Amino acid sequence: IIWRGLSKTQAYATSETFAIQESGQTVSVPKLIIEQTGV
């Protein structure tokens, strides 16, 4: 949701995956999932 809110930033525009911390582990989430979850 936070990354979706940053969708107009250069960091978002130039990334295809996002490293997200979940339960002490880093999970790589594709941009498509970011967009679908935000919607």
Full PDB file with SEQRES, HELIX, SHEET, SSBOND, CRYST1, ORIGX, SCALE, CONECT and MASTER records, all heavy atoms in Angstrom:
SEQRES   1 A   39  ILE ILE TRP ARG GLY LEU SER LYS THR GLN ALA TYR ALA          
SEQRES   2 A   39  THR SER GLU THR PHE ALA ILE GLN GLU SER GLY GLN THR          
SEQRES   3 A   39  VAL SER VAL PRO LYS LEU ILE ILE GLU GLN THR GLY VAL          
HELIX    1 AA1 ILE A    2  GLY A    5  1                                   4    
HELIX    2 AA2 GLN A   10  ALA A   13  1                                   4    
HELIX    3 AA3 LYS A   31  GLY A   38  1                                   8    
SHEET    1 AA1 2 THR A  17  GLU A  22  0                                        
SHEET    2 AA1 2 GLN A  25  PRO A  30 -1                                        
CRYST1    1.000    1.000    1.000  90.00  90.00  90.00 P 1           1          
ORIGX1      1.000000  0.000000  0.000000        0.00000                         
ORIGX2      0.000000  1.000000  0.000000        0.00000                         
ORIGX3      0.000000  0.000000  1.000000        0.00000                         
SCALE1      1.000000  0.000000  0.000000        0.00000                         
SCALE2      0.000000  1.000000  0.000000        0.00000                         
SCALE3      0.000000  0.000000  1.000000        0.00000                         
ATOM      1  N   ILE A   1       0.836  -1.201   0.000  1.00  0.00           N  
ATOM      2  CA  ILE A   1       0.000   0.000   0.000  1.00  0.00           C  
ATOM      3  C   ILE A   1       0.876   1.258   0.000  1.00  0.00           C  
ATOM      4  O   ILE A   1       0.604   2.222  -0.720  1.00  0.00           O  
ATOM      5  CB  ILE A   1      -0.958  -0.013   1.206  1.00  0.00           C  
ATOM      6  CG1 ILE A   1      -1.988  -1.124   1.039  1.00  0.00           C  
ATOM      7  CG2 ILE A   1      -1.633   1.338   1.388  1.00  0.00           C  
ATOM      8  CD1 ILE A   1      -2.769  -1.435   2.301  1.00  0.00           C  
ATOM      9  N   ILE A   2       1.916   1.241   0.802  1.00  0.00           N  
ATOM     10  CA  ILE A   2       2.823   2.393   0.864  1.00  0.00           C  
ATOM     11  C   ILE A   2       3.516   2.597  -0.479  1.00  0.00           C  
ATOM     12  O   ILE A   2       3.559   3.709  -0.998  1.00  0.00           O  
ATOM     13  CB  ILE A   2       3.843   2.219   2.002  1.00  0.00           C  
ATOM     14  CG1 ILE A   2       3.113   2.234   3.342  1.00  0.00           C  
ATOM     15  CG2 ILE A   2       4.916   3.301   1.952  1.00  0.00           C  
ATOM     16  CD1 ILE A   2       3.927   1.690   4.482  1.00  0.00           C  
ATOM     17  N   TRP A   3       4.047   1.518  -1.051  1.00  0.00           N  
ATOM     18  CA  TRP A   3       4.711   1.653  -2.350  1.00  0.00           C  
ATOM     19  C   TRP A   3       3.734   2.127  -3.413  1.00  0.00           C  
ATOM     20  O   TRP A   3       4.085   2.923  -4.284  1.00  0.00           O  
ATOM     21  CB  TRP A   3       5.374   0.346  -2.781  1.00  0.00           C  
ATOM     22  CG  TRP A   3       6.753   0.202  -2.234  1.00  0.00           C  
ATOM     23  CD1 TRP A   3       7.199  -0.704  -1.331  1.00  0.00           C  
ATOM     24  CD2 TRP A   3       7.886   1.008  -2.568  1.00  0.00           C  
ATOM     25  NE1 TRP A   3       8.523  -0.516  -1.072  1.00  0.00           N  
ATOM     26  CE2 TRP A   3       8.978   0.533  -1.827  1.00  0.00           C  
ATOM     27  CE3 TRP A   3       8.093   2.087  -3.418  1.00  0.00           C  
ATOM     28  CZ2 TRP A   3      10.247   1.096  -1.918  1.00  0.00           C  
ATOM     29  CZ3 TRP A   3       9.354   2.647  -3.514  1.00  0.00           C  
ATOM     30  CH2 TRP A   3      10.408   2.155  -2.765  1.00  0.00           C  
ATOM     31  N   ARG A   4       2.509   1.668  -3.346  1.00  0.00           N  
ATOM     32  CA  ARG A   4       1.489   2.117  -4.307  1.00  0.00           C  
ATOM     33  C   ARG A   4       1.279   3.627  -4.182  1.00  0.00           C  
ATOM     34  O   ARG A   4       1.101   4.320  -5.177  1.00  0.00           O  
ATOM     35  CB  ARG A   4       0.191   1.365  -4.067  1.00  0.00           C  
ATOM     36  CG  ARG A   4      -0.880   1.660  -5.054  1.00  0.00           C  
ATOM     37  CD  ARG A   4      -0.566   1.026  -6.402  1.00  0.00           C  
ATOM     38  NE  ARG A   4      -1.691   1.262  -7.281  1.00  0.00           N  
ATOM     39  CZ  ARG A   4      -1.616   1.879  -8.438  1.00  0.00           C  
ATOM     40  NH1 ARG A   4      -0.463   2.285  -8.886  1.00  0.00           N  
ATOM     41  NH2 ARG A   4      -2.679   2.078  -9.171  1.00  0.00           N  
ATOM     42  N   GLY A   5       1.336   4.132  -2.969  1.00  0.00           N  
ATOM     43  CA  GLY A   5       1.219   5.561  -2.748  1.00  0.00           C  
ATOM     44  C   GLY A   5       2.410   6.345  -3.280  1.00  0.00           C  
ATOM     45  O   GLY A   5       2.320   7.548  -3.503  1.00  0.00           O  
ATOM     46  N   LEU A   6       3.500   5.653  -3.489  1.00  0.00           N  
ATOM     47  CA  LEU A   6       4.716   6.287  -4.020  1.00  0.00           C  
ATOM     48  C   LEU A   6       4.868   6.051  -5.524  1.00  0.00           C  
ATOM     49  O   LEU A   6       5.956   6.203  -6.078  1.00  0.00           O  
ATOM     50  CB  LEU A   6       5.941   5.732  -3.286  1.00  0.00           C  
ATOM     51  CG  LEU A   6       5.997   6.029  -1.790  1.00  0.00           C  
ATOM     52  CD1 LEU A   6       7.100   5.220  -1.127  1.00  0.00           C  
ATOM     53  CD2 LEU A   6       6.191   7.511  -1.560  1.00  0.00           C  
ATOM     54  N   SER A   7       3.786   5.696  -6.178  1.00  0.00           N  
ATOM     55  CA  SER A   7       3.857   5.294  -7.583  1.00  0.00           C  
ATOM     56  C   SER A   7       4.331   6.400  -8.525  1.00  0.00           C  
ATOM     57  O   SER A   7       4.768   6.117  -9.640  1.00  0.00           O  
ATOM     58  CB  SER A   7       2.503   4.759  -8.058  1.00  0.00           C  
ATOM     59  OG  SER A   7       1.517   5.763  -7.987  1.00  0.00           O  
ATOM     60  N   LYS A   8       4.278   7.629  -8.105  1.00  0.00           N  
ATOM     61  CA  LYS A   8       4.746   8.739  -8.955  1.00  0.00           C  
ATOM     62  C   LYS A   8       6.224   9.066  -8.749  1.00  0.00           C  
ATOM     63  O   LYS A   8       6.760   9.963  -9.388  1.00  0.00           O  
ATOM     64  CB  LYS A   8       3.923  10.002  -8.676  1.00  0.00           C  
ATOM     65  CG  LYS A   8       2.446   9.837  -8.891  1.00  0.00           C  
ATOM     66  CD  LYS A   8       2.095   9.914 -10.337  1.00  0.00           C  
ATOM     67  CE  LYS A   8       0.570   9.925 -10.456  1.00  0.00           C  
ATOM     68  NZ  LYS A   8       0.102   9.411 -11.684  1.00  0.00           N  
ATOM     69  N   THR A   9       6.892   8.328  -7.860  1.00  0.00           N  
ATOM     70  CA  THR A   9       8.303   8.606  -7.582  1.00  0.00           C  
ATOM     71  C   THR A   9       9.223   7.860  -8.547  1.00  0.00           C  
ATOM     72  O   THR A   9       8.842   6.846  -9.134  1.00  0.00           O  
ATOM     73  CB  THR A   9       8.682   8.206  -6.140  1.00  0.00           C  
ATOM     74  OG1 THR A   9       8.577   6.787  -6.005  1.00  0.00           O  
ATOM     75  CG2 THR A   9       7.794   8.899  -5.123  1.00  0.00           C  
ATOM     76  N   GLN A  10      10.428   8.368  -8.664  1.00  0.00           N  
ATOM     77  CA  GLN A  10      11.431   7.713  -9.509  1.00  0.00           C  
ATOM     78  C   GLN A  10      11.776   6.327  -8.967  1.00  0.00           C  
ATOM     79  O   GLN A  10      11.972   5.392  -9.735  1.00  0.00           O  
ATOM     80  CB  GLN A  10      12.695   8.582  -9.568  1.00  0.00           C  
ATOM     81  CG  GLN A  10      13.831   7.928 -10.298  1.00  0.00           C  
ATOM     82  CD  GLN A  10      14.174   8.639 -11.578  1.00  0.00           C  
ATOM     83  OE1 GLN A  10      13.647   9.696 -11.867  1.00  0.00           O  
ATOM     84  NE2 GLN A  10      15.053   8.061 -12.339  1.00  0.00           N  
ATOM     85  N   ALA A  11      11.850   6.196  -7.646  1.00  0.00           N  
ATOM     86  CA  ALA A  11      12.189   4.899  -7.037  1.00  0.00           C  
ATOM     87  C   ALA A  11      11.178   3.835  -7.444  1.00  0.00           C  
ATOM     88  O   ALA A  11      11.545   2.694  -7.741  1.00  0.00           O  
ATOM     89  CB  ALA A  11      12.243   5.024  -5.521  1.00  0.00           C  
ATOM     90  N   TYR A  12       9.919   4.188  -7.464  1.00  0.00           N  
ATOM     91  CA  TYR A  12       8.879   3.236  -7.868  1.00  0.00           C  
ATOM     92  C   TYR A  12       8.949   2.973  -9.372  1.00  0.00           C  
ATOM     93  O   TYR A  12       8.905   1.822  -9.812  1.00  0.00           O  
ATOM     94  CB  TYR A  12       7.492   3.771  -7.492  1.00  0.00           C  
ATOM     95  CG  TYR A  12       6.377   2.786  -7.773  1.00  0.00           C  
ATOM     96  CD1 TYR A  12       6.022   1.834  -6.832  1.00  0.00           C  
ATOM     97  CD2 TYR A  12       5.687   2.812  -8.984  1.00  0.00           C  
ATOM     98  CE1 TYR A  12       5.001   0.928  -7.083  1.00  0.00           C  
ATOM     99  CE2 TYR A  12       4.670   1.911  -9.238  1.00  0.00           C  
ATOM    100  CZ  TYR A  12       4.331   0.977  -8.296  1.00  0.00           C  
ATOM    101  OH  TYR A  12       3.324   0.066  -8.552  1.00  0.00           O  
ATOM    102  N   ALA A  13       9.069   4.035 -10.150  1.00  0.00           N  
ATOM    103  CA  ALA A  13       9.055   3.911 -11.607  1.00  0.00           C  
ATOM    104  C   ALA A  13      10.194   3.048 -12.135  1.00  0.00           C  
ATOM    105  O   ALA A  13      10.017   2.329 -13.119  1.00  0.00           O  
ATOM    106  CB  ALA A  13       9.106   5.295 -12.251  1.00  0.00           C  
ATOM    107  N   THR A  14      11.343   3.094 -11.491  1.00  0.00           N  
ATOM    108  CA  THR A  14      12.511   2.371 -11.996  1.00  0.00           C  
ATOM    109  C   THR A  14      12.678   0.979 -11.391  1.00  0.00           C  
ATOM    110  O   THR A  14      13.616   0.277 -11.747  1.00  0.00           O  
ATOM    111  CB  THR A  14      13.795   3.188 -11.752  1.00  0.00           C  
ATOM    112  OG1 THR A  14      13.939   3.424 -10.351  1.00  0.00           O  
ATOM    113  CG2 THR A  14      13.758   4.496 -12.512  1.00  0.00           C  
ATOM    114  N   SER A  15      11.772   0.584 -10.515  1.00  0.00           N  
ATOM    115  CA  SER A  15      11.872  -0.734  -9.884  1.00  0.00           C  
ATOM    116  C   SER A  15      10.846  -1.700 -10.475  1.00  0.00           C  
ATOM    117  O   SER A  15       9.729  -1.314 -10.776  1.00  0.00           O  
ATOM    118  CB  SER A  15      11.633  -0.630  -8.375  1.00  0.00           C  
ATOM    119  OG  SER A  15      12.623   0.154  -7.778  1.00  0.00           O  
ATOM    120  N   GLU A  16      11.252  -2.932 -10.619  1.00  0.00           N  
ATOM    121  CA  GLU A  16      10.326  -3.980 -11.062  1.00  0.00           C  
ATOM    122  C   GLU A  16       9.961  -4.925  -9.913  1.00  0.00           C  
ATOM    123  O   GLU A  16       8.958  -5.617  -9.974  1.00  0.00           O  
ATOM    124  CB  GLU A  16      10.919  -4.774 -12.223  1.00  0.00           C  
ATOM    125  CG  GLU A  16      11.002  -3.960 -13.509  1.00  0.00           C  
ATOM    126  CD  GLU A  16       9.645  -3.425 -13.979  1.00  0.00           C  
ATOM    127  OE1 GLU A  16       8.656  -4.173 -13.921  1.00  0.00           O  
ATOM    128  OE2 GLU A  16       9.589  -2.264 -14.393  1.00  0.00           O  
ATOM    129  N   THR A  17      10.819  -4.959  -8.894  1.00  0.00           N  
ATOM    130  CA  THR A  17      10.540  -5.743  -7.688  1.00  0.00           C  
ATOM    131  C   THR A  17      10.880  -4.893  -6.471  1.00  0.00           C  
ATOM    132  O   THR A  17      11.677  -3.955  -6.561  1.00  0.00           O  
ATOM    133  CB  THR A  17      11.345  -7.055  -7.636  1.00  0.00           C  
ATOM    134  OG1 THR A  17      12.735  -6.738  -7.635  1.00  0.00           O  
ATOM    135  CG2 THR A  17      11.012  -7.976  -8.789  1.00  0.00           C  
ATOM    136  N   PHE A  18      10.279  -5.239  -5.348  1.00  0.00           N  
ATOM    137  CA  PHE A  18      10.460  -4.474  -4.121  1.00  0.00           C  
ATOM    138  C   PHE A  18      10.787  -5.442  -2.991  1.00  0.00           C  
ATOM    139  O   PHE A  18      10.099  -6.450  -2.805  1.00  0.00           O  
ATOM    140  CB  PHE A  18       9.183  -3.691  -3.800  1.00  0.00           C  
ATOM    141  CG  PHE A  18       8.833  -2.713  -4.883  1.00  0.00           C  
ATOM    142  CD1 PHE A  18       8.125  -3.119  -6.000  1.00  0.00           C  
ATOM    143  CD2 PHE A  18       9.252  -1.404  -4.807  1.00  0.00           C  
ATOM    144  CE1 PHE A  18       7.817  -2.236  -7.016  1.00  0.00           C  
ATOM    145  CE2 PHE A  18       8.957  -0.504  -5.823  1.00  0.00           C  
ATOM    146  CZ  PHE A  18       8.238  -0.933  -6.929  1.00  0.00           C  
ATOM    147  N   ALA A  19      11.841  -5.127  -2.235  1.00  0.00           N  
ATOM    148  CA  ALA A  19      12.239  -5.940  -1.087  1.00  0.00           C  
ATOM    149  C   ALA A  19      11.394  -5.517   0.112  1.00  0.00           C  
ATOM    150  O   ALA A  19      11.451  -4.365   0.544  1.00  0.00           O  
ATOM    151  CB  ALA A  19      13.722  -5.761  -0.794  1.00  0.00           C  
ATOM    152  N   ILE A  20      10.607  -6.446   0.633  1.00  0.00           N  
ATOM    153  CA  ILE A  20       9.697  -6.164   1.737  1.00  0.00           C  
ATOM    154  C   ILE A  20      10.028  -7.089   2.903  1.00  0.00           C  
ATOM    155  O   ILE A  20      10.233  -8.291   2.713  1.00  0.00           O  
ATOM    156  CB  ILE A  20       8.235  -6.339   1.278  1.00  0.00           C  
ATOM    157  CG1 ILE A  20       7.916  -5.275   0.229  1.00  0.00           C  
ATOM    158  CG2 ILE A  20       7.277  -6.277   2.450  1.00  0.00           C  
ATOM    159  CD1 ILE A  20       6.555  -5.385  -0.391  1.00  0.00           C  
ATOM    160  N   GLN A  21      10.096  -6.517   4.095  1.00  0.00           N  
ATOM    161  CA  GLN A  21      10.378  -7.287   5.307  1.00  0.00           C  
ATOM    162  C   GLN A  21       9.088  -7.908   5.835  1.00  0.00           C  
ATOM    163  O   GLN A  21       8.126  -7.190   6.091  1.00  0.00           O  
ATOM    164  CB  GLN A  21      10.983  -6.387   6.387  1.00  0.00           C  
ATOM    165  CG  GLN A  21      12.338  -5.829   6.040  1.00  0.00           C  
ATOM    166  CD  GLN A  21      13.400  -6.903   5.972  1.00  0.00           C  
ATOM    167  OE1 GLN A  21      13.442  -7.800   6.792  1.00  0.00           O  
ATOM    168  NE2 GLN A  21      14.251  -6.824   4.977  1.00  0.00           N  
ATOM    169  N   GLU A  22       9.065  -9.222   5.981  1.00  0.00           N  
ATOM    170  CA  GLU A  22       7.902  -9.933   6.515  1.00  0.00           C  
ATOM    171  C   GLU A  22       8.396 -10.993   7.482  1.00  0.00           C  
ATOM    172  O   GLU A  22       9.116 -11.903   7.092  1.00  0.00           O  
ATOM    173  CB  GLU A  22       7.100 -10.569   5.375  1.00  0.00           C  
ATOM    174  CG  GLU A  22       5.866 -11.328   5.810  1.00  0.00           C  
ATOM    175  CD  GLU A  22       4.747 -10.420   6.307  1.00  0.00           C  
ATOM    176  OE1 GLU A  22       4.327  -9.517   5.579  1.00  0.00           O  
ATOM    177  OE2 GLU A  22       4.303 -10.641   7.448  1.00  0.00           O  
ATOM    178  N   SER A  23       8.041 -10.846   8.738  1.00  0.00           N  
ATOM    179  CA  SER A  23       8.418 -11.807   9.784  1.00  0.00           C  
ATOM    180  C   SER A  23       9.922 -12.044   9.839  1.00  0.00           C  
ATOM    181  O   SER A  23      10.385 -13.175   9.942  1.00  0.00           O  
ATOM    182  CB  SER A  23       7.683 -13.133   9.584  1.00  0.00           C  
ATOM    183  OG  SER A  23       6.296 -12.942   9.602  1.00  0.00           O  
ATOM    184  N   GLY A  24      10.693 -10.966   9.729  1.00  0.00           N  
ATOM    185  CA  GLY A  24      12.143 -11.067   9.839  1.00  0.00           C  
ATOM    186  C   GLY A  24      12.845 -11.542   8.579  1.00  0.00           C  
ATOM    187  O   GLY A  24      14.053 -11.699   8.575  1.00  0.00           O  
ATOM    188  N   GLN A  25      12.096 -11.784   7.522  1.00  0.00           N  
ATOM    189  CA  GLN A  25      12.692 -12.216   6.265  1.00  0.00           C  
ATOM    190  C   GLN A  25      12.392 -11.192   5.177  1.00  0.00           C  
ATOM    191  O   GLN A  25      11.360 -10.524   5.203  1.00  0.00           O  
ATOM    192  CB  GLN A  25      12.146 -13.573   5.843  1.00  0.00           C  
ATOM    193  CG  GLN A  25      12.492 -14.683   6.791  1.00  0.00           C  
ATOM    194  CD  GLN A  25      12.012 -16.040   6.273  1.00  0.00           C  
ATOM    195  OE1 GLN A  25      11.379 -16.122   5.235  1.00  0.00           O  
ATOM    196  NE2 GLN A  25      12.321 -17.081   7.004  1.00  0.00           N  
ATOM    197  N   THR A  26      13.293 -11.092   4.223  1.00  0.00           N  
ATOM    198  CA  THR A  26      13.070 -10.199   3.091  1.00  0.00           C  
ATOM    199  C   THR A  26      12.403 -10.969   1.975  1.00  0.00           C  
ATOM    200  O   THR A  26      12.866 -12.027   1.564  1.00  0.00           O  
ATOM    201  CB  THR A  26      14.400  -9.609   2.595  1.00  0.00           C  
ATOM    202  OG1 THR A  26      15.024  -8.924   3.680  1.00  0.00           O  
ATOM    203  CG2 THR A  26      14.179  -8.642   1.451  1.00  0.00           C  
ATOM    204  N   VAL A  27      11.284 -10.427   1.500  1.00  0.00           N  
ATOM    205  CA  VAL A  27      10.516 -11.042   0.429  1.00  0.00           C  
ATOM    206  C   VAL A  27      10.583 -10.111  -0.774  1.00  0.00           C  
ATOM    207  O   VAL A  27      10.425  -8.898  -0.639  1.00  0.00           O  
ATOM    208  CB  VAL A  27       9.039 -11.229   0.865  1.00  0.00           C  
ATOM    209  CG1 VAL A  27       8.210 -11.827  -0.237  1.00  0.00           C  
ATOM    210  CG2 VAL A  27       8.955 -12.058   2.134  1.00  0.00           C  
ATOM    211  N   SER A  28      10.807 -10.652  -1.951  1.00  0.00           N  
ATOM    212  CA  SER A  28      10.832  -9.870  -3.176  1.00  0.00           C  
ATOM    213  C   SER A  28       9.439  -9.897  -3.800  1.00  0.00           C  
ATOM    214  O   SER A  28       8.919 -10.958  -4.135  1.00  0.00           O  
ATOM    215  CB  SER A  28      11.857 -10.451  -4.147  1.00  0.00           C  
ATOM    216  OG  SER A  28      11.900  -9.674  -5.320  1.00  0.00           O  
ATOM    217  N   VAL A  29       8.837  -8.722  -3.936  1.00  0.00           N  
ATOM    218  CA  VAL A  29       7.473  -8.620  -4.450  1.00  0.00           C  
ATOM    219  C   VAL A  29       7.498  -7.890  -5.793  1.00  0.00           C  
ATOM    220  O   VAL A  29       7.994  -6.769  -5.883  1.00  0.00           O  
ATOM    221  CB  VAL A  29       6.569  -7.864  -3.445  1.00  0.00           C  
ATOM    222  CG1 VAL A  29       5.162  -7.727  -3.979  1.00  0.00           C  
ATOM    223  CG2 VAL A  29       6.570  -8.568  -2.100  1.00  0.00           C  
ATOM    224  N   PRO A  30       6.956  -8.521  -6.843  1.00  0.00           N  
ATOM    225  CA  PRO A  30       6.929  -7.866  -8.156  1.00  0.00           C  
ATOM    226  C   PRO A  30       5.998  -6.650  -8.171  1.00  0.00           C  
ATOM    227  O   PRO A  30       5.021  -6.588  -7.430  1.00  0.00           O  
ATOM    228  CB  PRO A  30       6.382  -8.947  -9.095  1.00  0.00           C  
ATOM    229  CG  PRO A  30       6.393 -10.218  -8.328  1.00  0.00           C  
ATOM    230  CD  PRO A  30       6.433  -9.871  -6.881  1.00  0.00           C  
ATOM    231  N   LYS A  31       6.292  -5.698  -9.051  1.00  0.00           N  
ATOM    232  CA  LYS A  31       5.494  -4.478  -9.170  1.00  0.00           C  
ATOM    233  C   LYS A  31       4.027  -4.796  -9.454  1.00  0.00           C  
ATOM    234  O   LYS A  31       3.133  -4.126  -8.940  1.00  0.00           O  
ATOM    235  CB  LYS A  31       6.055  -3.577 -10.263  1.00  0.00           C  
ATOM    236  CG  LYS A  31       5.368  -2.214 -10.322  1.00  0.00           C  
ATOM    237  CD  LYS A  31       5.909  -1.345 -11.432  1.00  0.00           C  
ATOM    238  CE  LYS A  31       7.206  -0.720 -10.994  1.00  0.00           C  
ATOM    239  NZ  LYS A  31       7.720   0.262 -11.963  1.00  0.00           N  
ATOM    240  N   LEU A  32       3.755  -5.806 -10.246  1.00  0.00           N  
ATOM    241  CA  LEU A  32       2.371  -6.178 -10.551  1.00  0.00           C  
ATOM    242  C   LEU A  32       1.587  -6.500  -9.282  1.00  0.00           C  
ATOM    243  O   LEU A  32       0.442  -6.079  -9.123  1.00  0.00           O  
ATOM    244  CB  LEU A  32       2.331  -7.368 -11.513  1.00  0.00           C  
ATOM    245  CG  LEU A  32       0.944  -7.872 -11.889  1.00  0.00           C  
ATOM    246  CD1 LEU A  32       0.151  -6.788 -12.607  1.00  0.00           C  
ATOM    247  CD2 LEU A  32       1.039  -9.111 -12.744  1.00  0.00           C  
ATOM    248  N   ILE A  33       2.203  -7.203  -8.348  1.00  0.00           N  
ATOM    249  CA  ILE A  33       1.538  -7.537  -7.076  1.00  0.00           C  
ATOM    250  C   ILE A  33       1.326  -6.272  -6.252  1.00  0.00           C  
ATOM    251  O   ILE A  33       0.282  -6.100  -5.617  1.00  0.00           O  
ATOM    252  CB  ILE A  33       2.360  -8.577  -6.282  1.00  0.00           C  
ATOM    253  CG1 ILE A  33       2.490  -9.867  -7.090  1.00  0.00           C  
ATOM    254  CG2 ILE A  33       1.746  -8.829  -4.916  1.00  0.00           C  
ATOM    255  CD1 ILE A  33       1.186 -10.558  -7.434  1.00  0.00           C  
ATOM    256  N   ILE A  34       2.303  -5.371  -6.270  1.00  0.00           N  
ATOM    257  CA  ILE A  34       2.158  -4.090  -5.568  1.00  0.00           C  
ATOM    258  C   ILE A  34       0.924  -3.360  -6.093  1.00  0.00           C  
ATOM    259  O   ILE A  34       0.085  -2.885  -5.324  1.00  0.00           O  
ATOM    260  CB  ILE A  34       3.415  -3.204  -5.768  1.00  0.00           C  
ATOM    261  CG1 ILE A  34       4.677  -3.866  -5.225  1.00  0.00           C  
ATOM    262  CG2 ILE A  34       3.214  -1.806  -5.202  1.00  0.00           C  
ATOM    263  CD1 ILE A  34       4.845  -3.866  -3.752  1.00  0.00           C  
ATOM    264  N   GLU A  35       0.805  -3.288  -7.398  1.00  0.00           N  
ATOM    265  CA  GLU A  35      -0.308  -2.566  -8.002  1.00  0.00           C  
ATOM    266  C   GLU A  35      -1.646  -3.244  -7.725  1.00  0.00           C  
ATOM    267  O   GLU A  35      -2.628  -2.580  -7.393  1.00  0.00           O  
ATOM    268  CB  GLU A  35      -0.057  -2.399  -9.500  1.00  0.00           C  
ATOM    269  CG  GLU A  35       1.121  -1.469  -9.742  1.00  0.00           C  
ATOM    270  CD  GLU A  35       1.530  -1.352 -11.194  1.00  0.00           C  
ATOM    271  OE1 GLU A  35       0.930  -2.026 -12.054  1.00  0.00           O  
ATOM    272  OE2 GLU A  35       2.446  -0.567 -11.462  1.00  0.00           O  
ATOM    273  N   GLN A  36      -1.694  -4.558  -7.844  1.00  0.00           N  
ATOM    274  CA  GLN A  36      -2.948  -5.285  -7.593  1.00  0.00           C  
ATOM    275  C   GLN A  36      -3.389  -5.161  -6.142  1.00  0.00           C  
ATOM    276  O   GLN A  36      -4.569  -4.941  -5.865  1.00  0.00           O  
ATOM    277  CB  GLN A  36      -2.785  -6.761  -7.961  1.00  0.00           C  
ATOM    278  CG  GLN A  36      -2.692  -6.994  -9.438  1.00  0.00           C  
ATOM    279  CD  GLN A  36      -2.389  -8.440  -9.782  1.00  0.00           C  
ATOM    280  OE1 GLN A  36      -1.889  -9.208  -8.963  1.00  0.00           O  
ATOM    281  NE2 GLN A  36      -2.666  -8.813 -11.011  1.00  0.00           N  
ATOM    282  N   THR A  37      -2.459  -5.290  -5.222  1.00  0.00           N  
ATOM    283  CA  THR A  37      -2.801  -5.191  -3.801  1.00  0.00           C  
ATOM    284  C   THR A  37      -3.295  -3.791  -3.459  1.00  0.00           C  
ATOM    285  O   THR A  37      -4.286  -3.635  -2.746  1.00  0.00           O  
ATOM    286  CB  THR A  37      -1.587  -5.559  -2.921  1.00  0.00           C  
ATOM    287  OG1 THR A  37      -1.159  -6.876  -3.262  1.00  0.00           O  
ATOM    288  CG2 THR A  37      -1.938  -5.520  -1.439  1.00  0.00           C  
ATOM    289  N   GLY A  38      -2.622  -2.780  -3.991  1.00  0.00           N  
ATOM    290  CA  GLY A  38      -3.060  -1.393  -3.739  1.00  0.00           C  
ATOM    291  C   GLY A  38      -4.463  -1.159  -4.249  1.00  0.00           C  
ATOM    292  O   GLY A  38      -5.288  -0.558  -3.552  1.00  0.00           O  
ATOM    293  N   VAL A  39      -4.767  -1.630  -5.428  1.00  0.00           N  
ATOM    294  CA  VAL A  39      -6.105  -1.468  -6.001  1.00  0.00           C  
ATOM    295  C   VAL A  39      -7.124  -2.241  -5.171  1.00  0.00           C  
ATOM    296  O   VAL A  39      -8.221  -1.750  -4.902  1.00  0.00           O  
ATOM    297  CB  VAL A  39      -6.128  -1.889  -7.477  1.00  0.00           C  
ATOM    298  CG1 VAL A  39      -7.563  -1.986  -7.999  1.00  0.00           C  
ATOM    299  CG2 VAL A  39      -5.315  -0.917  -8.316  1.00  0.00           C  
TER     300      VAL A  39                                                      
MASTER        0    0    0    3    2    0    0    6  299    1    0    3          
END                                                                             
